[in-house]
PDB file of N, CA and C in Angstrom:
ATOM      1  N   MET A   1     -11.618 -34.397   3.778  1.00  0.00           N
ATOM      2  CA  MET A   1     -11.775 -34.620   2.140  1.00  0.00           C
ATOM      3  C   MET A   1     -11.383 -33.598   1.182  1.00  0.00           C
ATOM      4  N   GLY A   2     -10.581 -33.915   0.108  1.00  0.00           N
ATOM      5  CA  GLY A   2     -10.257 -32.578  -0.681  1.00  0.00           C
ATOM      6  C   GLY A   2     -10.962 -31.835  -1.524  1.00  0.00           C
ATOM      7  N   VAL A   3     -10.728 -31.623  -2.439  1.00  0.00           N
ATOM      8  CA  VAL A   3     -11.220 -31.423  -3.648  1.00  0.00           C
ATOM      9  C   VAL A   3     -11.290 -32.501  -4.662  1.00  0.00           C
ATOM     10  N   PRO A   4     -12.209 -32.868  -5.352  1.00  0.00           N
ATOM     11  CA  PRO A   4     -11.750 -34.052  -6.337  1.00  0.00           C
ATOM     12  C   PRO A   4     -11.347 -33.306  -8.377  1.00  0.00           C
ATOM     13  N   ILE A   5     -11.144 -32.195  -7.884  1.00  0.00           N
ATOM     14  CA  ILE A   5     -10.574 -31.775  -9.322  1.00  0.00           C
ATOM     15  C   ILE A   5      -8.983 -30.691  -9.581  1.00  0.00           C
ATOM     16  N   ASN A   6      -8.305 -31.280  -9.809  1.00  0.00           N
ATOM     17  CA  ASN A   6      -7.035 -30.778 -10.244  1.00  0.00           C
ATOM     18  C   ASN A   6      -7.218 -29.992 -11.268  1.00  0.00           C
ATOM     19  N   PRO A   7      -6.923 -28.327 -11.200  1.00  0.00           N
ATOM     20  CA  PRO A   7      -6.842 -27.659 -12.197  1.00  0.00           C
ATOM     21  C   PRO A   7      -6.276 -28.005 -13.052  1.00  0.00           C
ATOM     22  N   MET A   8      -5.555 -27.612 -14.306  1.00  0.00           N
ATOM     23  CA  MET A   8      -4.634 -27.392 -15.496  1.00  0.00           C
ATOM     24  C   MET A   8      -3.854 -26.147 -14.640  1.00  0.00           C
ATOM     25  N   PRO A   9      -2.609 -25.377 -15.205  1.00  0.00           N
ATOM     26  CA  PRO A   9      -1.815 -24.328 -14.138  1.00  0.00           C
ATOM     27  C   PRO A   9      -2.494 -23.349 -14.007  1.00  0.00           C
ATOM     28  N   GLU A  10      -3.055 -23.076 -15.533  1.00  0.00           N
ATOM     29  CA  GLU A  10      -3.830 -21.820 -15.236  1.00  0.00           C
ATOM     30  C   GLU A  10      -5.483 -21.136 -14.422  1.00  0.00           C
ATOM     31  N   TYR A  11      -5.849 -22.160 -14.026  1.00  0.00           N
ATOM     32  CA  TYR A  11      -7.216 -22.137 -14.144  1.00  0.00           C
ATOM     33  C   TYR A  11      -7.517 -22.641 -12.343  1.00  0.00           C
ATOM     34  N   VAL A  12      -8.405 -22.263 -11.935  1.00  0.00           N
ATOM     35  CA  VAL A  12      -8.967 -21.829 -10.663  1.00  0.00           C
ATOM     36  C   VAL A  12      -9.951 -22.464 -10.374  1.00  0.00           C
ATOM     37  N   VAL A  13     -10.388 -23.576  -9.542  1.00  0.00           N
ATOM     38  CA  VAL A  13     -11.660 -24.409  -8.869  1.00  0.00           C
ATOM     39  C   VAL A  13     -11.918 -23.052  -8.137  1.00  0.00           C
ATOM     40  N   VAL A  14     -12.629 -22.782  -8.500  1.00  0.00           N
ATOM     41  CA  VAL A  14     -14.043 -21.853  -7.264  1.00  0.00           C
ATOM     42  C   VAL A  14     -15.412 -23.022  -6.703  1.00  0.00           C
ATOM     43  N   GLN A  15     -16.159 -22.147  -6.257  1.00  0.00           N
ATOM     44  CA  GLN A  15     -17.653 -23.098  -5.597  1.00  0.00           C
ATOM     45  C   GLN A  15     -18.028 -21.498  -5.280  1.00  0.00           C
ATOM     46  N   ALA A  16     -19.765 -21.628  -6.432  1.00  0.00           N
ATOM     47  CA  ALA A  16     -20.122 -20.086  -6.076  1.00  0.00           C
ATOM     48  C   ALA A  16     -20.681 -19.446  -4.927  1.00  0.00           C
ATOM     49  N   GLU A  17     -20.938 -18.910  -3.778  1.00  0.00           N
ATOM     50  CA  GLU A  17     -21.730 -18.077  -3.309  1.00  0.00           C
ATOM     51  C   GLU A  17     -22.811 -18.384  -3.148  1.00  0.00           C
ATOM     52  N   GLU A  18     -24.118 -18.506  -2.768  1.00  0.00           N
ATOM     53  CA  GLU A  18     -25.664 -18.774  -2.397  1.00  0.00           C
ATOM     54  C   GLU A  18     -25.932 -17.706  -2.506  1.00  0.00           C
ATOM     55  N   PRO A  19     -26.992 -16.813  -4.185  1.00  0.00           N
ATOM     56  CA  PRO A  19     -27.519 -15.844  -3.936  1.00  0.00           C
ATOM     57  C   PRO A  19     -28.216 -15.574  -2.630  1.00  0.00           C
ATOM     58  N   SER A  20     -28.390 -14.016  -2.183  1.00  0.00           N
ATOM     59  CA  SER A  20     -29.284 -14.003  -1.290  1.00  0.00           C
ATOM     60  C   SER A  20     -30.941 -14.679  -1.322  1.00  0.00           C
ATOM     61  N   THR A  21     -31.200 -14.818  -1.228  1.00  0.00           N
ATOM     62  CA  THR A  21     -32.891 -15.003  -0.588  1.00  0.00           C
ATOM     63  C   THR A  21     -34.069 -14.257  -0.159  1.00  0.00           C
ATOM     64  N   LYS A  22     -33.236 -12.770   0.478  1.00  0.00           N
ATOM     65  CA  LYS A  22     -33.997 -11.705   1.224  1.00  0.00           C
ATOM     66  C   LYS A  22     -33.715 -10.642   0.711  1.00  0.00           C
ATOM     67  N   THR A  23     -34.358  -9.530   0.504  1.00  0.00           N
ATOM     68  CA  THR A  23     -33.971  -8.114   0.015  1.00  0.00           C
ATOM     69  C   THR A  23     -33.445  -7.377   1.503  1.00  0.00           C
ATOM     70  N   ALA A  24     -33.066  -6.617   0.768  1.00  0.00           N
ATOM     71  CA  ALA A  24     -32.694  -5.358   2.128  1.00  0.00           C
ATOM     72  C   ALA A  24     -33.986  -5.537   3.214  1.00  0.00           C
ATOM     73  N   SER A  25     -35.186  -4.886   2.216  1.00  0.00           N
ATOM     74  CA  SER A  25     -35.912  -4.367   2.766  1.00  0.00           C
ATOM     75  C   SER A  25     -37.250  -5.660   3.656  1.00  0.00           C
ATOM     76  N   GLY A  26     -36.834  -7.271   3.771  1.00  0.00           N
ATOM     77  CA  GLY A  26     -37.066  -8.314   3.651  1.00  0.00           C
ATOM     78  C   GLY A  26     -38.183  -9.173   3.157  1.00  0.00           C
ATOM     79  N   LEU A  27     -38.295  -8.621   1.654  1.00  0.00           N
ATOM     80  CA  LEU A  27     -38.767  -9.686   0.939  1.00  0.00           C
ATOM     81  C   LEU A  27     -37.957 -10.768   0.818  1.00  0.00           C
ATOM     82  N   TYR A  28     -39.091 -11.573   0.378  1.00  0.00           N
ATOM     83  CA  TYR A  28     -38.168 -12.784   0.006  1.00  0.00           C
ATOM     84  C   TYR A  28     -38.348 -13.253  -1.388  1.00  0.00           C
ATOM     85  N   LEU A  29     -37.158 -13.414  -1.938  1.00  0.00           N
ATOM     86  CA  LEU A  29     -37.436 -13.489  -3.474  1.00  0.00           C
ATOM     87  C   LEU A  29     -37.466 -14.932  -4.065  1.00  0.00           C
ATOM     88  N   PRO A  30     -38.289 -15.038  -4.919  1.00  0.00           N
ATOM     89  CA  PRO A  30     -38.346 -16.219  -5.411  1.00  0.00           C
ATOM     90  C   PRO A  30     -36.980 -17.202  -6.195  1.00  0.00           C
ATOM     91  N   ASP A  31     -37.282 -18.218  -6.791  1.00  0.00           N
ATOM     92  CA  ASP A  31     -35.914 -19.139  -7.275  1.00  0.00           C
ATOM     93  C   ASP A  31     -35.466 -17.920  -8.693  1.00  0.00           C
ATOM     94  N   SER A  32     -36.398 -18.107  -9.301  1.00  0.00           N
ATOM     95  CA  SER A  32     -36.634 -18.074 -10.904  1.00  0.00           C
ATOM     96  C   SER A  32     -35.702 -15.889 -10.947  1.00  0.00           C
ATOM     97  N   SER A  33     -35.840 -15.384  -9.723  1.00  0.00           N
ATOM     98  CA  SER A  33     -35.292 -13.833  -9.571  1.00  0.00           C
ATOM     99  C   SER A  33     -34.565 -14.042  -8.763  1.00  0.00           C
ATOM    100  N   LYS A  34     -33.449 -14.611  -8.825  1.00  0.00           N
ATOM    101  CA  LYS A  34     -32.211 -14.149  -8.175  1.00  0.00           C
ATOM    102  C   LYS A  34     -31.472 -14.357  -9.037  1.00  0.00           C
ATOM    103  N   GLU A  35     -30.172 -13.456  -9.356  1.00  0.00           N
ATOM    104  CA  GLU A  35     -29.060 -13.532  -9.893  1.00  0.00           C
ATOM    105  C   GLU A  35     -28.300 -14.790  -9.504  1.00  0.00           C
ATOM    106  N   LYS A  36     -27.242 -15.016 -11.355  1.00  0.00           N
ATOM    107  CA  LYS A  36     -26.548 -16.360 -10.781  1.00  0.00           C
ATOM    108  C   LYS A  36     -25.399 -15.589 -10.567  1.00  0.00           C
ATOM    109  N   PRO A  37     -24.794 -16.384  -9.102  1.00  0.00           N
ATOM    110  CA  PRO A  37     -23.305 -15.451  -8.197  1.00  0.00           C
ATOM    111  C   PRO A  37     -22.115 -14.940  -9.566  1.00  0.00           C
ATOM    112  N   LYS A  38     -21.480 -13.873  -9.715  1.00  0.00           N
ATOM    113  CA  LYS A  38     -20.381 -14.275  -9.694  1.00  0.00           C
ATOM    114  C   LYS A  38     -19.470 -13.648  -8.837  1.00  0.00           C
ATOM    115  N   THR A  39     -19.249 -13.746  -7.577  1.00  0.00           N
ATOM    116  CA  THR A  39     -18.854 -13.917  -6.715  1.00  0.00           C
ATOM    117  C   THR A  39     -18.540 -15.864  -6.006  1.00  0.00           C
ATOM    118  N   ALA A  40     -17.392 -15.968  -6.056  1.00  0.00           N
ATOM    119  CA  ALA A  40     -17.354 -17.666  -5.305  1.00  0.00           C
ATOM    120  C   ALA A  40     -16.249 -17.290  -4.477  1.00  0.00           C
ATOM    121  N   LYS A  41     -15.900 -18.909  -3.931  1.00  0.00           N
ATOM    122  CA  LYS A  41     -14.774 -18.968  -2.883  1.00  0.00           C
ATOM    123  C   LYS A  41     -13.714 -20.056  -3.683  1.00  0.00           C
ATOM    124  N   VAL A  42     -12.447 -19.929  -3.437  1.00  0.00           N
ATOM    125  CA  VAL A  42     -11.489 -20.854  -4.222  1.00  0.00           C
ATOM    126  C   VAL A  42     -11.206 -22.067  -3.379  1.00  0.00           C
ATOM    127  N   VAL A  43     -11.426 -22.905  -4.239  1.00  0.00           N
ATOM    128  CA  VAL A  43     -11.360 -24.717  -3.841  1.00  0.00           C
ATOM    129  C   VAL A  43      -9.643 -24.718  -4.114  1.00  0.00           C
ATOM    130  N   ALA A  44      -9.389 -24.092  -4.978  1.00  0.00           N
ATOM    131  CA  ALA A  44      -8.379 -25.418  -5.628  1.00  0.00           C
ATOM    132  C   ALA A  44      -7.786 -24.286  -6.859  1.00  0.00           C
ATOM    133  N   ALA A  45      -6.290 -23.892  -6.573  1.00  0.00           N
ATOM    134  CA  ALA A  45      -6.014 -23.587  -7.842  1.00  0.00           C
ATOM    135  C   ALA A  45      -4.604 -24.193  -8.796  1.00  0.00           C
ATOM    136  N   GLY A  46      -4.736 -23.444  -9.558  1.00  0.00           N
ATOM    137  CA  GLY A  46      -3.531 -24.404 -10.712  1.00  0.00           C
ATOM    138  C   GLY A  46      -2.301 -23.670 -10.201  1.00  0.00           C
ATOM    139  N   THR A  47      -0.915 -24.038 -11.061  1.00  0.00           N
ATOM    140  CA  THR A  47       0.433 -23.609 -10.142  1.00  0.00           C
ATOM    141  C   THR A  47       0.577 -22.318 -11.169  1.00  0.00           C
ATOM    142  N   ALA A  48       0.675 -21.865 -11.829  1.00  0.00           N
ATOM    143  CA  ALA A  48       0.221 -20.920 -12.740  1.00  0.00           C
ATOM    144  C   ALA A  48      -0.394 -19.226 -12.610  1.00  0.00           C
ATOM    145  N   VAL A  49      -1.257 -19.114 -11.154  1.00  0.00           N
ATOM    146  CA  VAL A  49      -2.615 -18.320 -11.139  1.00  0.00           C
ATOM    147  C   VAL A  49      -2.237 -17.345 -10.173  1.00  0.00           C
ATOM    148  N   GLY A  50      -1.002 -17.112 -10.581  1.00  0.00           N
ATOM    149  CA  GLY A  50      -0.515 -15.638  -9.217  1.00  0.00           C
ATOM    150  C   GLY A  50      -0.675 -15.687  -8.079  1.00  0.00           C
ATOM    151  N   ASP A  51      -1.326 -15.046  -7.318  1.00  0.00           N
ATOM    152  CA  ASP A  51      -1.528 -14.129  -5.700  1.00  0.00           C
ATOM    153  C   ASP A  51      -3.071 -14.917  -5.499  1.00  0.00           C
ATOM    154  N   ILE A  52      -3.616 -15.681  -6.546  1.00  0.00           N
ATOM    155  CA  ILE A  52      -4.839 -16.180  -5.881  1.00  0.00           C
ATOM    156  C   ILE A  52      -4.629 -17.580  -5.270  1.00  0.00           C
ATOM    157  N   LYS A  53      -5.440 -17.740  -4.739  1.00  0.00           N
ATOM    158  CA  LYS A  53      -4.923 -19.062  -3.267  1.00  0.00           C
ATOM    159  C   LYS A  53      -6.209 -20.071  -2.665  1.00  0.00           C
ATOM    160  N   VAL A  54      -6.401 -21.022  -2.218  1.00  0.00           N
ATOM    161  CA  VAL A  54      -7.201 -21.353  -1.786  1.00  0.00           C
ATOM    162  C   VAL A  54      -8.188 -20.552  -0.705  1.00  0.00           C
ATOM    163  N   GLY A  55      -9.250 -20.752  -0.528  1.00  0.00           N
ATOM    164  CA  GLY A  55      -9.915 -19.928   0.498  1.00  0.00           C
ATOM    165  C   GLY A  55      -9.962 -18.809  -0.075  1.00  0.00           C
ATOM    166  N   ASP A  56      -8.833 -17.548  -1.122  1.00  0.00           N
ATOM    167  CA  ASP A  56     -10.373 -16.419  -1.074  1.00  0.00           C
ATOM    168  C   ASP A  56     -11.425 -16.399  -1.550  1.00  0.00           C
ATOM    169  N   ARG A  57     -11.992 -14.851  -1.377  1.00  0.00           N
ATOM    170  CA  ARG A  57     -13.150 -15.427  -2.796  1.00  0.00           C
ATOM    171  C   ARG A  57     -13.010 -14.148  -3.185  1.00  0.00           C
ATOM    172  N   VAL A  58     -13.110 -14.193  -4.544  1.00  0.00           N
ATOM    173  CA  VAL A  58     -12.915 -13.492  -6.082  1.00  0.00           C
ATOM    174  C   VAL A  58     -14.669 -13.228  -6.643  1.00  0.00           C
ATOM    175  N   ILE A  59     -14.994 -12.182  -7.877  1.00  0.00           N
ATOM    176  CA  ILE A  59     -15.184 -11.881  -8.148  1.00  0.00           C
ATOM    177  C   ILE A  59     -14.690 -12.329  -9.867  1.00  0.00           C
ATOM    178  N   TYR A  60     -15.531 -13.437 -10.005  1.00  0.00           N
ATOM    179  CA  TYR A  60     -15.102 -13.650 -11.630  1.00  0.00           C
ATOM    180  C   TYR A  60     -15.967 -12.583 -13.051  1.00  0.00           C
ATOM    181  N   LYS A  61     -15.475 -12.649 -14.286  1.00  0.00           N
ATOM    182  CA  LYS A  61     -16.363 -11.859 -15.318  1.00  0.00           C
ATOM    183  C   LYS A  61     -16.285 -13.196 -16.086  1.00  0.00           C
ATOM    184  N   ASN A  62     -17.624 -13.117 -17.367  1.00  0.00           N
ATOM    185  CA  ASN A  62     -17.991 -13.879 -18.117  1.00  0.00           C
ATOM    186  C   ASN A  62     -18.465 -15.292 -18.068  1.00  0.00           C
ATOM    187  N   GLU A  63     -19.271 -14.908 -17.306  1.00  0.00           N
ATOM    188  CA  GLU A  63     -19.649 -16.635 -16.535  1.00  0.00           C
ATOM    189  C   GLU A  63     -19.709 -17.916 -17.316  1.00  0.00           C
ATOM    190  N   TYR A  64     -20.069 -17.497 -18.960  1.00  0.00           N
ATOM    191  CA  TYR A  64     -20.466 -18.096 -20.347  1.00  0.00           C
ATOM    192  C   TYR A  64     -19.029 -18.669 -20.176  1.00  0.00           C
ATOM    193  N   GLU A  65     -18.179 -18.699 -20.491  1.00  0.00           N
ATOM    194  CA  GLU A  65     -16.452 -18.982 -20.064  1.00  0.00           C
ATOM    195  C   GLU A  65     -16.622 -19.604 -19.438  1.00  0.00           C
ATOM    196  N   ALA A  66     -16.932 -19.741 -17.965  1.00  0.00           N
ATOM    197  CA  ALA A  66     -16.425 -20.669 -17.028  1.00  0.00           C
ATOM    198  C   ALA A  66     -17.278 -22.343 -17.532  1.00  0.00           C
ATOM    199  N   THR A  67     -16.483 -22.709 -16.650  1.00  0.00           N
ATOM    200  CA  THR A  67     -17.192 -24.501 -17.022  1.00  0.00           C
ATOM    201  C   THR A  67     -17.830 -24.967 -15.651  1.00  0.00           C
ATOM    202  N   THR A  68     -18.397 -25.282 -15.383  1.00  0.00           N
ATOM    203  CA  THR A  68     -19.413 -25.931 -14.222  1.00  0.00           C
ATOM    204  C   THR A  68     -19.980 -27.084 -14.382  1.00  0.00           C
ATOM    205  N   VAL A  69     -19.243 -27.897 -13.070  1.00  0.00           N
ATOM    206  CA  VAL A  69     -19.241 -29.369 -13.213  1.00  0.00           C
ATOM    207  C   VAL A  69     -19.933 -30.232 -11.925  1.00  0.00           C
ATOM    208  N   LYS A  70     -20.468 -31.213 -11.884  1.00  0.00           N
ATOM    209  CA  LYS A  70     -20.713 -31.665 -10.431  1.00  0.00           C
ATOM    210  C   LYS A  70     -20.151 -33.031 -10.177  1.00  0.00           C
ATOM    211  N   VAL A  71     -19.890 -33.216  -9.219  1.00  0.00           N
ATOM    212  CA  VAL A  71     -19.097 -34.304  -8.953  1.00  0.00           C
ATOM    213  C   VAL A  71     -19.283 -34.917  -7.208  1.00  0.00           C
ATOM    214  N   ALA A  72     -20.098 -35.962  -7.387  1.00  0.00           N
ATOM    215  CA  ALA A  72     -20.620 -36.584  -6.514  1.00  0.00           C
ATOM    216  C   ALA A  72     -22.369 -35.461  -5.976  1.00  0.00           C
ATOM    217  N   THR A  73     -21.946 -34.781  -5.207  1.00  0.00           N
ATOM    218  CA  THR A  73     -22.864 -33.815  -4.931  1.00  0.00           C
ATOM    219  C   THR A  73     -22.674 -32.473  -5.054  1.00  0.00           C
ATOM    220  N   GLN A  74     -21.653 -32.097  -5.265  1.00  0.00           N
ATOM    221  CA  GLN A  74     -20.977 -30.648  -5.267  1.00  0.00           C
ATOM    222  C   GLN A  74     -20.826 -29.933  -6.535  1.00  0.00           C
ATOM    223  N   GLU A  75     -20.914 -29.237  -6.872  1.00  0.00           N
ATOM    224  CA  GLU A  75     -20.871 -28.224  -7.714  1.00  0.00           C
ATOM    225  C   GLU A  75     -19.480 -27.132  -7.654  1.00  0.00           C
ATOM    226  N   TYR A  76     -18.959 -27.706  -9.090  1.00  0.00           N
ATOM    227  CA  TYR A  76     -17.823 -26.314  -9.066  1.00  0.00           C
ATOM    228  C   TYR A  76     -17.779 -26.235 -10.132  1.00  0.00           C
ATOM    229  N   THR A  77     -17.006 -24.729 -10.355  1.00  0.00           N
ATOM    230  CA  THR A  77     -16.628 -23.920 -11.538  1.00  0.00           C
ATOM    231  C   THR A  77     -15.168 -23.834 -11.651  1.00  0.00           C
ATOM    232  N   LEU A  78     -15.194 -24.071 -12.952  1.00  0.00           N
ATOM    233  CA  LEU A  78     -13.274 -24.031 -13.498  1.00  0.00           C
ATOM    234  C   LEU A  78     -13.699 -22.424 -14.102  1.00  0.00           C
ATOM    235  N   VAL A  79     -12.510 -21.251 -13.601  1.00  0.00           N
ATOM    236  CA  VAL A  79     -12.548 -19.840 -14.270  1.00  0.00           C
ATOM    237  C   VAL A  79     -10.702 -20.376 -14.562  1.00  0.00           C
ATOM    238  N   TYR A  80     -10.932 -19.789 -15.701  1.00  0.00           N
ATOM    239  CA  TYR A  80      -9.220 -18.923 -16.542  1.00  0.00           C
ATOM    240  C   TYR A  80      -8.967 -17.716 -15.683  1.00  0.00           C
ATOM    241  N   HIS A  81      -7.608 -17.952 -15.268  1.00  0.00           N
ATOM    242  CA  HIS A  81      -7.814 -16.890 -14.009  1.00  0.00           C
ATOM    243  C   HIS A  81      -7.790 -15.306 -14.065  1.00  0.00           C
ATOM    244  N   LYS A  82      -7.410 -15.555 -15.741  1.00  0.00           N
ATOM    245  CA  LYS A  82      -7.634 -14.378 -16.425  1.00  0.00           C
ATOM    246  C   LYS A  82      -8.923 -13.579 -15.988  1.00  0.00           C
ATOM    247  N   ASN A  83      -9.955 -14.143 -16.023  1.00  0.00           N
ATOM    248  CA  ASN A  83     -11.241 -13.698 -15.780  1.00  0.00           C
ATOM    249  C   ASN A  83     -11.428 -13.294 -15.131  1.00  0.00           C
ATOM    250  N   ILE A  84     -11.003 -13.754 -13.994  1.00  0.00           N
ATOM    251  CA  ILE A  84     -10.949 -13.270 -12.306  1.00  0.00           C
ATOM    252  C   ILE A  84     -10.072 -11.693 -11.738  1.00  0.00           C
ATOM    253  N   ILE A  85     -11.281 -10.667 -11.882  1.00  0.00           N
ATOM    254  CA  ILE A  85     -10.863  -9.323 -11.511  1.00  0.00           C
ATOM    255  C   ILE A  85     -11.090  -8.972 -10.008  1.00  0.00           C
ATOM    256  N   ALA A  86     -11.368  -9.262  -9.510  1.00  0.00           N
ATOM    257  CA  ALA A  86     -10.899  -8.774  -7.828  1.00  0.00           C
ATOM    258  C   ALA A  86     -10.897  -9.468  -7.152  1.00  0.00           C
ATOM    259  N   THR A  87      -9.884  -9.524  -5.592  1.00  0.00           N
ATOM    260  CA  THR A  87     -10.448 -10.500  -4.675  1.00  0.00           C
ATOM    261  C   THR A  87     -11.313  -9.711  -3.898  1.00  0.00           C
ATOM    262  N   VAL A  88     -12.520 -10.271  -2.849  1.00  0.00           N
ATOM    263  CA  VAL A  88     -13.647  -9.859  -1.884  1.00  0.00           C
ATOM    264  C   VAL A  88     -12.712 -10.477  -0.510  1.00  0.00           C
ATOM    265  N   THR A  89     -12.103  -8.668   0.162  1.00  0.00           N
ATOM    266  CA  THR A  89     -11.792  -8.830   1.585  1.00  0.00           C
ATOM    267  C   THR A  89     -13.105  -8.563   2.629  1.00  0.00           C
ATOM    268  N   ARG A  90     -13.182  -9.652   3.906  1.00  0.00           N
ATOM    269  CA  ARG A  90     -13.831  -8.999   4.630  1.00  0.00           C
ATOM    270  C   ARG A  90     -13.986  -7.628   6.023  1.00  0.00           C
TER     271      ARG A  90
END
């Protein structure tokens, strides 16, 4: 099944990565103390986004300018391509 959202040419559709529930020292974090993730996996990309492609992990800025929508049971975020500041390599 593909992504049910087709972004406009200058937008990217991402799915946020889940924040860690455990600190490096082994303490578990309650949901209220978790930071909103700013890294996400690209699941769809518009035609004018340059080098960003499906499957990339990206870091984006200003989450308040991104739009989050829920389709069926999945949550997607639409990010303007100029708000993506880096790709993450493993």
